[in-house]
Amino acid sequence: MGKSDPIIYTLEQALDKGKCPVCCCLATATTRSLANLLYEFVNDPTTRDHLRASGGFCREHSWALQQMGDPLAHSIIYADLIDGFCVKLQENMKESRSGPAFLAEKEEPCPVCLDEAETEKRYLDGLLKAIHTSAFQEKYRKLGFLCRPHFQAVYSQTRDGKVRSFLTEVQLEELSRLSAELKEFIRKSDYRYAGELPGTERDAWIRAVRSWVGPNDLKTN
């Protein structure tokens, strides 16, 4: 199913992870992009220009990149960013000896965020395309579930009533199951039932956060 279309094929494979397939695909693509940057593009002049213009990466992607390691690549990136910022500070001191507040220039968006937004759009488009195929739709009905941001994005992107109904049915089924697990966790937290063994509800609170806002890292497993 979907092998002729790499986007659809990747989404289909991501359904097996039991998480929002768009989040999983996006995490894989972003991780690959960050890895390529570390190992191939830290000395690329165009990449360095983009990083200077954006002031580096956003907080999320800065730490995601840091957790991937490679001290040498990070040293190259940040030596360049810090030197550039020091030059700006020195220029600012010369221009205003009276010492006004430092005014930060408007910087370009984080380059990884820009790439991620484009990738996200491709996978949302791919999901809508895939749902029109019976094989994907059957697998999605069994395993599919979107985090709330991606559900809202894909729902608002289509005007097809049947697709909206299908997405809503699957979403409601999974959310109802998650809600039941949360309530079971709450029940077992009562001292009267503290002796009962934990079940699938033990990590429902973590899954609830992930389903509501998406993952907080680039892990896909």
N, C-alpha and C. Protein backbone atom coordinates (compact mmCIF):
# COMPACT_ATOMS: atom_id res chain seq x y z
N MET A 1 0.83 -1.20 0.00
CA MET A 1 0.00 0.00 0.00
C MET A 1 0.86 1.25 0.00
N GLY A 2 0.64 2.15 -0.94
CA GLY A 2 1.24 3.47 -0.89
C GLY A 2 2.70 3.53 -1.24
N LYS A 3 3.32 2.40 -1.71
CA LYS A 3 4.76 2.43 -1.97
C LYS A 3 5.12 3.36 -3.11
N SER A 4 4.16 3.60 -4.02
CA SER A 4 4.42 4.50 -5.14
C SER A 4 4.48 5.95 -4.69
N ASP A 5 3.95 6.25 -3.54
CA ASP A 5 3.97 7.59 -2.97
C ASP A 5 4.70 7.53 -1.64
N PRO A 6 5.93 8.05 -1.57
CA PRO A 6 6.72 7.92 -0.33
C PRO A 6 6.07 8.58 0.89
N ILE A 7 5.33 9.66 0.67
CA ILE A 7 4.65 10.33 1.80
C ILE A 7 3.59 9.42 2.39
N ILE A 8 2.75 8.87 1.53
CA ILE A 8 1.69 7.98 1.99
C ILE A 8 2.27 6.71 2.61
N TYR A 9 3.32 6.17 2.00
CA TYR A 9 3.95 4.96 2.52
C TYR A 9 4.51 5.20 3.93
N THR A 10 5.15 6.35 4.12
CA THR A 10 5.73 6.67 5.42
C THR A 10 4.64 6.87 6.47
N LEU A 11 3.55 7.53 6.08
CA LEU A 11 2.42 7.70 7.00
C LEU A 11 1.82 6.34 7.38
N GLU A 12 1.72 5.47 6.41
CA GLU A 12 1.15 4.14 6.66
C GLU A 12 2.01 3.37 7.65
N GLN A 13 3.32 3.43 7.48
CA GLN A 13 4.23 2.75 8.40
C GLN A 13 4.15 3.35 9.80
N ALA A 14 3.95 4.66 9.86
CA ALA A 14 3.89 5.36 11.15
C ALA A 14 2.65 4.97 11.96
N LEU A 15 1.61 4.50 11.30
CA LEU A 15 0.39 4.09 12.01
C LEU A 15 0.69 2.96 13.00
N ASP A 16 1.69 2.14 12.69
CA ASP A 16 2.02 1.00 13.55
C ASP A 16 2.61 1.44 14.89
N LYS A 17 3.05 2.68 15.02
CA LYS A 17 3.67 3.16 16.25
C LYS A 17 2.64 3.50 17.33
N GLY A 18 1.36 3.60 16.94
CA GLY A 18 0.33 3.89 17.93
C GLY A 18 0.33 5.33 18.40
N LYS A 19 0.89 6.21 17.63
CA LYS A 19 0.92 7.64 17.96
C LYS A 19 0.40 8.41 16.76
N CYS A 20 0.29 9.72 16.91
CA CYS A 20 -0.11 10.56 15.78
C CYS A 20 0.88 10.32 14.63
N PRO A 21 0.44 9.81 13.49
CA PRO A 21 1.36 9.49 12.39
C PRO A 21 2.06 10.72 11.82
N VAL A 22 1.38 11.87 11.84
CA VAL A 22 2.01 13.09 11.32
C VAL A 22 3.15 13.51 12.24
N CYS A 23 2.94 13.42 13.55
CA CYS A 23 4.00 13.75 14.51
C CYS A 23 5.20 12.83 14.31
N CYS A 24 4.94 11.54 14.13
CA CYS A 24 6.02 10.57 13.96
C CYS A 24 6.83 10.86 12.70
N CYS A 25 6.14 11.12 11.61
CA CYS A 25 6.83 11.41 10.34
C CYS A 25 7.61 12.71 10.44
N LEU A 26 7.03 13.68 11.09
CA LEU A 26 7.67 14.98 11.25
C LEU A 26 8.93 14.85 12.12
N ALA A 27 8.84 14.06 13.18
CA ALA A 27 9.99 13.85 14.06
C ALA A 27 11.13 13.18 13.31
N THR A 28 10.80 12.18 12.50
CA THR A 28 11.82 11.47 11.72
C THR A 28 12.48 12.41 10.73
N ALA A 29 11.67 13.20 10.03
CA ALA A 29 12.22 14.13 9.03
C ALA A 29 13.08 15.20 9.68
N THR A 30 12.63 15.74 10.82
CA THR A 30 13.39 16.79 11.49
C THR A 30 14.70 16.25 12.06
N THR A 31 14.65 15.06 12.63
CA THR A 31 15.87 14.43 13.15
C THR A 31 16.88 14.23 12.03
N ARG A 32 16.40 13.77 10.88
CA ARG A 32 17.29 13.56 9.73
C ARG A 32 17.88 14.89 9.26
N SER A 33 17.04 15.93 9.25
CA SER A 33 17.51 17.25 8.83
C SER A 33 18.58 17.80 9.77
N LEU A 34 18.37 17.63 11.08
CA LEU A 34 19.34 18.09 12.06
C LEU A 34 20.64 17.30 11.97
N ALA A 35 20.52 16.00 11.75
CA ALA A 35 21.72 15.17 11.61
C ALA A 35 22.53 15.57 10.39
N ASN A 36 21.84 15.83 9.29
CA ASN A 36 22.53 16.27 8.07
C ASN A 36 23.25 17.59 8.30
N LEU A 37 22.59 18.49 9.04
CA LEU A 37 23.21 19.79 9.32
C LEU A 37 24.50 19.60 10.12
N LEU A 38 24.44 18.75 11.16
CA LEU A 38 25.61 18.53 12.01
C LEU A 38 26.77 17.91 11.26
N TYR A 39 26.47 16.93 10.43
CA TYR A 39 27.53 16.14 9.83
C TYR A 39 27.96 16.61 8.44
N GLU A 40 27.18 17.49 7.82
CA GLU A 40 27.52 17.87 6.45
C GLU A 40 27.53 19.37 6.18
N PHE A 41 26.79 20.17 6.98
CA PHE A 41 26.60 21.57 6.57
C PHE A 41 27.08 22.62 7.56
N VAL A 42 27.79 22.23 8.63
CA VAL A 42 28.20 23.25 9.60
C VAL A 42 29.19 24.26 9.00
N ASN A 43 29.92 23.84 7.98
CA ASN A 43 30.88 24.75 7.35
C ASN A 43 30.38 25.31 6.02
N ASP A 44 29.13 25.00 5.69
CA ASP A 44 28.55 25.50 4.44
C ASP A 44 28.24 26.99 4.58
N PRO A 45 28.78 27.85 3.70
CA PRO A 45 28.58 29.30 3.81
C PRO A 45 27.12 29.72 3.82
N THR A 46 26.30 29.12 2.97
CA THR A 46 24.88 29.48 2.91
C THR A 46 24.18 29.13 4.22
N THR A 47 24.47 27.95 4.75
CA THR A 47 23.88 27.54 6.03
C THR A 47 24.29 28.48 7.15
N ARG A 48 25.56 28.86 7.16
CA ARG A 48 26.05 29.77 8.20
C ARG A 48 25.38 31.14 8.07
N ASP A 49 25.16 31.59 6.85
CA ASP A 49 24.48 32.87 6.63
C ASP A 49 23.06 32.83 7.19
N HIS A 50 22.35 31.72 6.93
CA HIS A 50 20.98 31.57 7.42
C HIS A 50 20.95 31.55 8.95
N LEU A 51 21.93 30.89 9.56
CA LEU A 51 21.97 30.80 11.01
C LEU A 51 22.26 32.16 11.63
N ARG A 52 23.14 32.92 11.02
CA ARG A 52 23.43 34.26 11.53
C ARG A 52 22.19 35.13 11.43
N ALA A 53 21.48 35.03 10.30
CA ALA A 53 20.29 35.86 10.07
C ALA A 53 19.17 35.52 11.04
N SER A 54 19.11 34.25 11.47
CA SER A 54 18.04 33.83 12.39
C SER A 54 18.48 33.90 13.85
N GLY A 55 19.76 34.18 14.06
CA GLY A 55 20.27 34.18 15.43
C GLY A 55 20.39 32.77 15.97
N GLY A 56 20.55 31.79 15.08
CA GLY A 56 20.63 30.40 15.49
C GLY A 56 19.28 29.72 15.40
N PHE A 57 19.08 28.72 16.24
CA PHE A 57 17.85 27.94 16.23
C PHE A 57 16.92 28.39 17.36
N CYS A 58 15.65 28.02 17.27
CA CYS A 58 14.73 28.29 18.37
C CYS A 58 15.14 27.44 19.57
N ARG A 59 14.55 27.70 20.70
CA ARG A 59 14.89 26.96 21.93
C ARG A 59 14.70 25.46 21.76
N GLU A 60 13.56 25.06 21.20
CA GLU A 60 13.25 23.64 21.05
C GLU A 60 14.29 22.93 20.19
N HIS A 61 14.60 23.50 19.04
CA HIS A 61 15.52 22.83 18.13
C HIS A 61 16.98 22.98 18.56
N SER A 62 17.28 24.02 19.30
CA SER A 62 18.64 24.15 19.85
C SER A 62 18.95 22.98 20.77
N TRP A 63 18.01 22.67 21.67
CA TRP A 63 18.25 21.58 22.62
C TRP A 63 18.11 20.22 21.97
N ALA A 64 17.24 20.10 20.99
CA ALA A 64 17.13 18.83 20.26
C ALA A 64 18.45 18.52 19.56
N LEU A 65 19.05 19.55 18.98
CA LEU A 65 20.32 19.40 18.30
C LEU A 65 21.43 19.07 19.29
N GLN A 66 21.41 19.74 20.44
CA GLN A 66 22.43 19.52 21.46
C GLN A 66 22.40 18.07 21.96
N GLN A 67 21.21 17.52 22.10
CA GLN A 67 21.08 16.15 22.59
C GLN A 67 21.56 15.11 21.59
N MET A 68 21.77 15.51 20.34
CA MET A 68 22.30 14.61 19.33
C MET A 68 23.81 14.50 19.42
N GLY A 69 24.41 15.34 20.26
CA GLY A 69 25.86 15.26 20.45
C GLY A 69 26.63 16.08 19.43
N ASP A 70 27.82 15.59 19.07
CA ASP A 70 28.76 16.22 18.14
C ASP A 70 29.27 17.57 18.67
N PRO A 71 30.13 17.53 19.68
CA PRO A 71 30.68 18.76 20.26
C PRO A 71 31.41 19.64 19.26
N LEU A 72 32.12 19.02 18.29
CA LEU A 72 32.87 19.81 17.31
C LEU A 72 31.93 20.65 16.46
N ALA A 73 30.87 20.03 15.94
CA ALA A 73 29.92 20.76 15.10
C ALA A 73 29.27 21.90 15.88
N HIS A 74 28.91 21.63 17.14
CA HIS A 74 28.32 22.68 17.96
C HIS A 74 29.31 23.81 18.22
N SER A 75 30.57 23.46 18.43
CA SER A 75 31.59 24.48 18.67
C SER A 75 31.74 25.39 17.46
N ILE A 76 31.69 24.80 16.27
CA ILE A 76 31.81 25.58 15.03
C ILE A 76 30.61 26.51 14.88
N ILE A 77 29.41 25.96 15.11
CA ILE A 77 28.19 26.76 14.95
C ILE A 77 28.17 27.93 15.93
N TYR A 78 28.41 27.64 17.20
CA TYR A 78 28.25 28.68 18.22
C TYR A 78 29.41 29.65 18.30
N ALA A 79 30.60 29.22 17.90
CA ALA A 79 31.72 30.17 17.82
C ALA A 79 31.38 31.24 16.80
N ASP A 80 30.79 30.82 15.69
CA ASP A 80 30.42 31.77 14.64
C ASP A 80 29.29 32.69 15.10
N LEU A 81 28.26 32.12 15.75
CA LEU A 81 27.14 32.92 16.22
C LEU A 81 27.58 33.91 17.31
N ILE A 82 28.40 33.44 18.23
CA ILE A 82 28.84 34.30 19.33
C ILE A 82 29.74 35.42 18.82
N ASP A 83 30.65 35.10 17.90
CA ASP A 83 31.53 36.13 17.35
C ASP A 83 30.71 37.20 16.62
N GLY A 84 29.71 36.76 15.88
CA GLY A 84 28.87 37.71 15.17
C GLY A 84 28.09 38.62 16.12
N PHE A 85 27.62 38.04 17.21
CA PHE A 85 26.87 38.82 18.19
C PHE A 85 27.79 39.81 18.91
N CYS A 86 29.03 39.39 19.18
CA CYS A 86 30.00 40.28 19.82
C CYS A 86 30.30 41.49 18.94
N VAL A 87 30.38 41.25 17.64
CA VAL A 87 30.62 42.37 16.71
C VAL A 87 29.47 43.36 16.79
N LYS A 88 28.23 42.86 16.85
CA LYS A 88 27.07 43.74 16.96
C LYS A 88 27.10 44.53 18.27
N LEU A 89 27.49 43.88 19.33
CA LEU A 89 27.56 44.56 20.63
C LEU A 89 28.61 45.68 20.61
N GLN A 90 29.74 45.40 19.99
CA GLN A 90 30.81 46.41 19.91
C GLN A 90 30.37 47.60 19.06
N GLU A 91 29.66 47.29 17.96
CA GLU A 91 29.16 48.37 17.11
C GLU A 91 28.13 49.21 17.86
N ASN A 92 27.30 48.55 18.64
CA ASN A 92 26.28 49.25 19.41
C ASN A 92 26.92 50.18 20.45
N MET A 93 28.01 49.74 21.07
CA MET A 93 28.70 50.55 22.05
C MET A 93 29.27 51.82 21.42
N LYS A 94 29.80 51.69 20.21
CA LYS A 94 30.39 52.83 19.52
C LYS A 94 29.32 53.84 19.12
N GLU A 95 28.15 53.33 18.73
CA GLU A 95 27.09 54.21 18.23
C GLU A 95 26.33 54.91 19.36
N SER A 96 26.34 54.33 20.54
CA SER A 96 25.56 54.95 21.63
C SER A 96 26.34 54.87 22.93
N ARG A 97 27.23 55.79 23.13
CA ARG A 97 28.05 55.82 24.34
C ARG A 97 27.23 56.11 25.59
N SER A 98 26.06 56.71 25.40
CA SER A 98 25.23 57.05 26.56
C SER A 98 24.60 55.82 27.20
N GLY A 99 24.72 54.69 26.49
CA GLY A 99 24.27 53.43 27.08
C GLY A 99 22.78 53.18 27.08
N PRO A 100 22.06 53.38 25.96
CA PRO A 100 20.63 53.03 25.94
C PRO A 100 20.45 51.52 25.94
N ALA A 101 19.24 51.09 26.15
CA ALA A 101 18.96 49.65 26.14
C ALA A 101 19.32 49.08 24.78
N PHE A 102 19.88 47.88 24.80
CA PHE A 102 20.25 47.23 23.53
C PHE A 102 18.99 46.81 22.79
N LEU A 103 18.89 47.24 21.55
CA LEU A 103 17.72 46.90 20.73
C LEU A 103 18.06 45.75 19.81
N ALA A 104 17.44 44.62 20.02
CA ALA A 104 17.69 43.45 19.18
C ALA A 104 17.06 43.65 17.81
N GLU A 105 17.80 43.28 16.79
CA GLU A 105 17.26 43.36 15.43
C GLU A 105 16.24 42.25 15.23
N LYS A 106 15.31 42.50 14.34
CA LYS A 106 14.33 41.46 14.03
C LYS A 106 15.04 40.36 13.25
N GLU A 107 15.02 39.17 13.80
CA GLU A 107 15.72 38.06 13.19
C GLU A 107 14.77 37.20 12.36
N GLU A 108 15.35 36.46 11.43
CA GLU A 108 14.56 35.54 10.61
C GLU A 108 14.13 34.36 11.49
N PRO A 109 13.09 33.63 11.08
CA PRO A 109 12.64 32.48 11.87
C PRO A 109 13.71 31.39 11.91
N CYS A 110 13.63 30.54 12.92
CA CYS A 110 14.53 29.39 13.03
C CYS A 110 14.46 28.59 11.73
N PRO A 111 15.61 28.30 11.09
CA PRO A 111 15.58 27.58 9.81
C PRO A 111 14.98 26.19 9.90
N VAL A 112 15.15 25.54 11.04
CA VAL A 112 14.57 24.20 11.20
C VAL A 112 13.05 24.29 11.32
N CYS A 113 12.57 25.34 11.98
CA CYS A 113 11.11 25.55 12.08
C CYS A 113 10.51 25.74 10.69
N LEU A 114 11.20 26.49 9.84
CA LEU A 114 10.71 26.72 8.48
C LEU A 114 10.63 25.41 7.71
N ASP A 115 11.70 24.60 7.80
CA ASP A 115 11.71 23.30 7.11
C ASP A 115 10.62 22.39 7.67
N GLU A 116 10.45 22.45 8.99
CA GLU A 116 9.45 21.59 9.64
C GLU A 116 8.04 21.96 9.19
N ALA A 117 7.78 23.25 9.05
CA ALA A 117 6.45 23.70 8.61
C ALA A 117 6.14 23.20 7.20
N GLU A 118 7.14 23.25 6.33
CA GLU A 118 6.94 22.76 4.95
C GLU A 118 6.73 21.25 4.94
N THR A 119 7.51 20.54 5.75
CA THR A 119 7.38 19.08 5.84
C THR A 119 6.02 18.70 6.41
N GLU A 120 5.59 19.42 7.44
CA GLU A 120 4.30 19.16 8.07
C GLU A 120 3.18 19.29 7.04
N LYS A 121 3.23 20.32 6.22
CA LYS A 121 2.20 20.54 5.20
C LYS A 121 2.16 19.37 4.22
N ARG A 122 3.34 18.86 3.84
CA ARG A 122 3.39 17.74 2.90
C ARG A 122 2.72 16.50 3.50
N TYR A 123 2.95 16.26 4.79
CA TYR A 123 2.36 15.08 5.40
C TYR A 123 0.86 15.25 5.67
N LEU A 124 0.42 16.46 5.97
CA LEU A 124 -1.02 16.69 6.12
C LEU A 124 -1.73 16.51 4.78
N ASP A 125 -1.13 17.04 3.71
CA ASP A 125 -1.68 16.83 2.37
C ASP A 125 -1.70 15.34 2.03
N GLY A 126 -0.60 14.65 2.38
CA GLY A 126 -0.50 13.22 2.10
C GLY A 126 -1.53 12.41 2.84
N LEU A 127 -1.80 12.81 4.08
CA LEU A 127 -2.80 12.09 4.87
C LEU A 127 -4.18 12.21 4.24
N LEU A 128 -4.54 13.40 3.79
CA LEU A 128 -5.84 13.59 3.15
C LEU A 128 -5.93 12.79 1.85
N LYS A 129 -4.83 12.71 1.14
CA LYS A 129 -4.80 11.93 -0.09
C LYS A 129 -4.93 10.44 0.22
N ALA A 130 -4.21 10.00 1.26
CA ALA A 130 -4.19 8.58 1.61
C ALA A 130 -5.55 8.08 2.08
N ILE A 131 -6.28 8.93 2.79
CA ILE A 131 -7.57 8.52 3.35
C ILE A 131 -8.58 8.17 2.26
N HIS A 132 -8.33 8.64 1.06
CA HIS A 132 -9.23 8.31 -0.06
C HIS A 132 -8.97 6.92 -0.62
N THR A 133 -7.91 6.25 -0.12
CA THR A 133 -7.64 4.87 -0.58
C THR A 133 -8.18 3.92 0.47
N SER A 134 -8.86 2.87 0.03
CA SER A 134 -9.55 1.96 0.95
C SER A 134 -8.58 1.24 1.88
N ALA A 135 -7.41 0.84 1.37
CA ALA A 135 -6.45 0.09 2.19
C ALA A 135 -5.94 0.95 3.35
N PHE A 136 -5.56 2.19 3.04
CA PHE A 136 -5.07 3.07 4.09
C PHE A 136 -6.18 3.40 5.08
N GLN A 137 -7.36 3.63 4.55
CA GLN A 137 -8.50 3.99 5.41
C GLN A 137 -8.80 2.85 6.38
N GLU A 138 -8.69 1.61 5.91
CA GLU A 138 -8.95 0.46 6.76
C GLU A 138 -7.92 0.38 7.89
N LYS A 139 -6.66 0.60 7.56
CA LYS A 139 -5.60 0.55 8.57
C LYS A 139 -5.73 1.72 9.54
N TYR A 140 -6.08 2.89 9.01
CA TYR A 140 -6.24 4.07 9.85
C TYR A 140 -7.38 3.86 10.84
N ARG A 141 -8.44 3.21 10.42
CA ARG A 141 -9.58 2.98 11.32
C ARG A 141 -9.17 2.11 12.50
N LYS A 142 -8.24 1.18 12.27
CA LYS A 142 -7.79 0.27 13.33
C LYS A 142 -6.72 0.91 14.21
N LEU A 143 -5.81 1.68 13.59
CA LEU A 143 -4.63 2.16 14.32
C LEU A 143 -4.49 3.67 14.36
N GLY A 144 -5.26 4.38 13.56
CA GLY A 144 -5.03 5.81 13.41
C GLY A 144 -5.55 6.66 14.55
N PHE A 145 -4.84 7.73 14.80
CA PHE A 145 -5.25 8.72 15.79
C PHE A 145 -4.31 9.90 15.65
N LEU A 146 -4.85 11.11 15.61
CA LEU A 146 -4.04 12.31 15.46
C LEU A 146 -4.00 13.09 16.76
N CYS A 147 -2.87 13.74 17.02
CA CYS A 147 -2.86 14.67 18.15
C CYS A 147 -3.85 15.80 17.82
N ARG A 148 -4.30 16.50 18.83
CA ARG A 148 -5.33 17.53 18.62
C ARG A 148 -4.90 18.59 17.60
N PRO A 149 -3.66 19.13 17.65
CA PRO A 149 -3.27 20.14 16.66
C PRO A 149 -3.32 19.63 15.23
N HIS A 150 -2.87 18.38 15.01
CA HIS A 150 -2.88 17.87 13.64
C HIS A 150 -4.29 17.45 13.20
N PHE A 151 -5.11 17.00 14.14
CA PHE A 151 -6.49 16.71 13.79
C PHE A 151 -7.20 17.99 13.33
N GLN A 152 -7.03 19.05 14.10
CA GLN A 152 -7.67 20.32 13.75
C GLN A 152 -7.15 20.85 12.42
N ALA A 153 -5.85 20.66 12.18
CA ALA A 153 -5.26 21.16 10.93
C ALA A 153 -5.80 20.42 9.73
N VAL A 154 -5.84 19.09 9.81
CA VAL A 154 -6.27 18.30 8.66
C VAL A 154 -7.79 18.42 8.47
N TYR A 155 -8.53 18.54 9.58
CA TYR A 155 -9.99 18.68 9.51
C TYR A 155 -10.37 19.98 8.81
N SER A 156 -9.68 21.06 9.16
CA SER A 156 -10.00 22.36 8.57
C SER A 156 -9.50 22.47 7.13
N GLN A 157 -8.58 21.58 6.76
CA GLN A 157 -8.00 21.65 5.42
C GLN A 157 -8.90 21.01 4.37
N THR A 158 -9.78 20.11 4.79
CA THR A 158 -10.66 19.45 3.84
C THR A 158 -12.10 19.96 3.96
N ARG A 159 -12.80 19.96 2.85
CA ARG A 159 -14.22 20.30 2.85
C ARG A 159 -15.07 19.09 2.52
N ASP A 160 -14.42 17.93 2.43
CA ASP A 160 -15.11 16.68 2.11
C ASP A 160 -15.82 16.17 3.36
N GLY A 161 -17.15 16.17 3.34
CA GLY A 161 -17.93 15.76 4.50
C GLY A 161 -17.65 14.33 4.93
N LYS A 162 -17.46 13.43 3.97
CA LYS A 162 -17.21 12.02 4.32
C LYS A 162 -15.86 11.87 5.02
N VAL A 163 -14.87 12.60 4.54
CA VAL A 163 -13.54 12.54 5.15
C VAL A 163 -13.60 13.12 6.57
N ARG A 164 -14.30 14.22 6.72
CA ARG A 164 -14.44 14.83 8.05
C ARG A 164 -15.14 13.87 9.02
N SER A 165 -16.18 13.22 8.55
CA SER A 165 -16.92 12.28 9.40
C SER A 165 -16.04 11.10 9.79
N PHE A 166 -15.28 10.59 8.82
CA PHE A 166 -14.39 9.46 9.09
C PHE A 166 -13.34 9.83 10.13
N LEU A 167 -12.68 10.98 9.93
CA LEU A 167 -11.65 11.43 10.87
C LEU A 167 -12.24 11.62 12.27
N THR A 168 -13.44 12.18 12.32
CA THR A 168 -14.08 12.45 13.61
C THR A 168 -14.44 11.16 14.33
N GLU A 169 -14.96 10.18 13.60
CA GLU A 169 -15.34 8.90 14.20
C GLU A 169 -14.13 8.22 14.85
N VAL A 170 -13.02 8.19 14.10
CA VAL A 170 -11.81 7.55 14.62
C VAL A 170 -11.28 8.32 15.82
N GLN A 171 -11.31 9.64 15.73
CA GLN A 171 -10.80 10.48 16.81
C GLN A 171 -11.64 10.29 18.09
N LEU A 172 -12.95 10.28 17.92
CA LEU A 172 -13.84 10.11 19.07
C LEU A 172 -13.65 8.76 19.75
N GLU A 173 -13.46 7.74 18.95
CA GLU A 173 -13.27 6.40 19.51
C GLU A 173 -12.01 6.35 20.38
N GLU A 174 -10.92 6.90 19.87
CA GLU A 174 -9.67 6.88 20.62
C GLU A 174 -9.73 7.79 21.85
N LEU A 175 -10.33 8.97 21.70
CA LEU A 175 -10.44 9.89 22.82
C LEU A 175 -11.33 9.32 23.93
N SER A 176 -12.38 8.63 23.54
CA SER A 176 -13.27 8.02 24.54
C SER A 176 -12.53 6.94 25.32
N ARG A 177 -11.71 6.16 24.62
CA ARG A 177 -10.92 5.13 25.27
C ARG A 177 -9.89 5.75 26.22
N LEU A 178 -9.26 6.83 25.78
CA LEU A 178 -8.26 7.51 26.61
C LEU A 178 -8.92 8.12 27.85
N SER A 179 -10.10 8.72 27.66
CA SER A 179 -10.82 9.30 28.78
C SER A 179 -11.18 8.25 29.82
N ALA A 180 -11.58 7.07 29.34
CA ALA A 180 -11.93 5.98 30.25
C ALA A 180 -10.70 5.53 31.05
N GLU A 181 -9.56 5.48 30.39
CA GLU A 181 -8.32 5.09 31.09
C GLU A 181 -7.93 6.13 32.13
N LEU A 182 -8.10 7.39 31.80
CA LEU A 182 -7.79 8.45 32.77
C LEU A 182 -8.70 8.34 34.00
N LYS A 183 -9.96 8.06 33.77
CA LYS A 183 -10.90 7.94 34.88
C LYS A 183 -10.60 6.70 35.72
N GLU A 184 -10.09 5.65 35.04
CA GLU A 184 -9.70 4.45 35.78
C GLU A 184 -8.46 4.75 36.64
N PHE A 185 -7.55 5.55 36.11
CA PHE A 185 -6.38 5.96 36.88
C PHE A 185 -6.81 6.75 38.12
N ILE A 186 -7.77 7.65 37.89
CA ILE A 186 -8.29 8.46 39.00
C ILE A 186 -8.93 7.56 40.06
N ARG A 187 -9.73 6.57 39.61
CA ARG A 187 -10.40 5.66 40.54
C ARG A 187 -9.39 4.89 41.39
N LYS A 188 -8.35 4.37 40.73
CA LYS A 188 -7.36 3.57 41.44
C LYS A 188 -6.46 4.42 42.34
N SER A 189 -6.51 5.73 42.15
CA SER A 189 -5.74 6.61 43.02
C SER A 189 -6.42 6.79 44.37
N ASP A 190 -7.69 6.41 44.43
CA ASP A 190 -8.44 6.45 45.68
C ASP A 190 -7.89 5.35 46.60
N TYR A 191 -7.65 5.65 47.85
CA TYR A 191 -7.04 4.69 48.79
C TYR A 191 -7.84 3.40 48.90
N ARG A 192 -9.13 3.48 48.63
CA ARG A 192 -9.98 2.28 48.75
C ARG A 192 -9.65 1.23 47.69
N TYR A 193 -9.05 1.69 46.57
CA TYR A 193 -8.74 0.76 45.49
C TYR A 193 -7.23 0.68 45.23
N ALA A 194 -6.45 1.18 46.18
CA ALA A 194 -5.00 1.25 46.00
C ALA A 194 -4.37 -0.13 45.83
N GLY A 195 -5.03 -1.16 46.29
CA GLY A 195 -4.48 -2.51 46.19
C GLY A 195 -4.61 -3.12 44.81
N GLU A 196 -5.41 -2.53 43.95
CA GLU A 196 -5.60 -3.09 42.60
C GLU A 196 -4.36 -2.85 41.75
N LEU A 197 -4.03 -3.85 40.95
CA LEU A 197 -2.85 -3.73 40.10
C LEU A 197 -3.10 -2.72 38.98
N PRO A 198 -2.08 -1.95 38.61
CA PRO A 198 -2.26 -0.99 37.51
C PRO A 198 -2.40 -1.72 36.18
N GLY A 199 -3.14 -1.11 35.28
CA GLY A 199 -3.33 -1.68 33.94
C GLY A 199 -2.83 -0.71 32.88
N THR A 200 -3.49 -0.72 31.75
CA THR A 200 -3.06 0.14 30.65
C THR A 200 -3.21 1.62 30.99
N GLU A 201 -3.97 1.91 32.06
CA GLU A 201 -4.21 3.31 32.42
C GLU A 201 -3.00 3.95 33.10
N ARG A 202 -1.96 3.18 33.44
CA ARG A 202 -0.85 3.71 34.24
C ARG A 202 -0.09 4.84 33.55
N ASP A 203 -0.06 4.84 32.19
CA ASP A 203 0.63 5.94 31.49
C ASP A 203 -0.35 6.79 30.69
N ALA A 204 -1.64 6.67 31.01
CA ALA A 204 -2.65 7.42 30.27
C ALA A 204 -2.44 8.93 30.39
N TRP A 205 -1.97 9.36 31.54
CA TRP A 205 -1.77 10.81 31.75
C TRP A 205 -0.69 11.36 30.82
N ILE A 206 0.33 10.53 30.52
CA ILE A 206 1.37 10.95 29.58
C ILE A 206 0.81 10.99 28.16
N ARG A 207 0.06 9.94 27.81
CA ARG A 207 -0.53 9.89 26.48
C ARG A 207 -1.55 11.00 26.28
N ALA A 208 -2.21 11.40 27.37
CA ALA A 208 -3.20 12.49 27.27
C ALA A 208 -2.52 13.80 26.88
N VAL A 209 -1.38 14.09 27.49
CA VAL A 209 -0.66 15.32 27.15
C VAL A 209 -0.20 15.27 25.71
N ARG A 210 0.35 14.11 25.29
CA ARG A 210 0.84 13.97 23.93
C ARG A 210 -0.28 14.11 22.91
N SER A 211 -1.46 13.57 23.24
CA SER A 211 -2.58 13.65 22.31
C SER A 211 -3.14 15.07 22.23
N TRP A 212 -2.94 15.84 23.30
CA TRP A 212 -3.52 17.18 23.34
C TRP A 212 -2.65 18.23 22.64
N VAL A 213 -1.33 18.12 22.83
CA VAL A 213 -0.43 19.15 22.28
C VAL A 213 0.63 18.61 21.34
N GLY A 214 0.74 17.28 21.19
CA GLY A 214 1.80 16.70 20.40
C GLY A 214 2.99 16.38 21.29
N PRO A 215 3.99 15.67 20.77
CA PRO A 215 5.15 15.28 21.59
C PRO A 215 6.03 16.47 21.93
N ASN A 216 6.84 16.31 22.97
CA ASN A 216 7.73 17.39 23.38
C ASN A 216 9.17 17.16 22.95
N ASP A 217 9.40 16.16 22.11
CA ASP A 217 10.74 15.87 21.65
C ASP A 217 10.67 15.27 20.25
N LEU A 218 11.80 14.77 19.77
CA LEU A 218 11.84 14.22 18.42
C LEU A 218 11.87 12.70 18.42
N LYS A 219 11.49 12.07 19.56
CA LYS A 219 11.48 10.63 19.61
C LYS A 219 10.31 10.09 18.82
N THR A 220 10.55 9.02 18.05
CA THR A 220 9.49 8.44 17.22
C THR A 220 9.06 7.06 17.70
N ASN A 221 9.77 6.49 18.68
CA ASN A 221 9.42 5.14 19.14
C ASN A 221 8.51 5.19 20.36
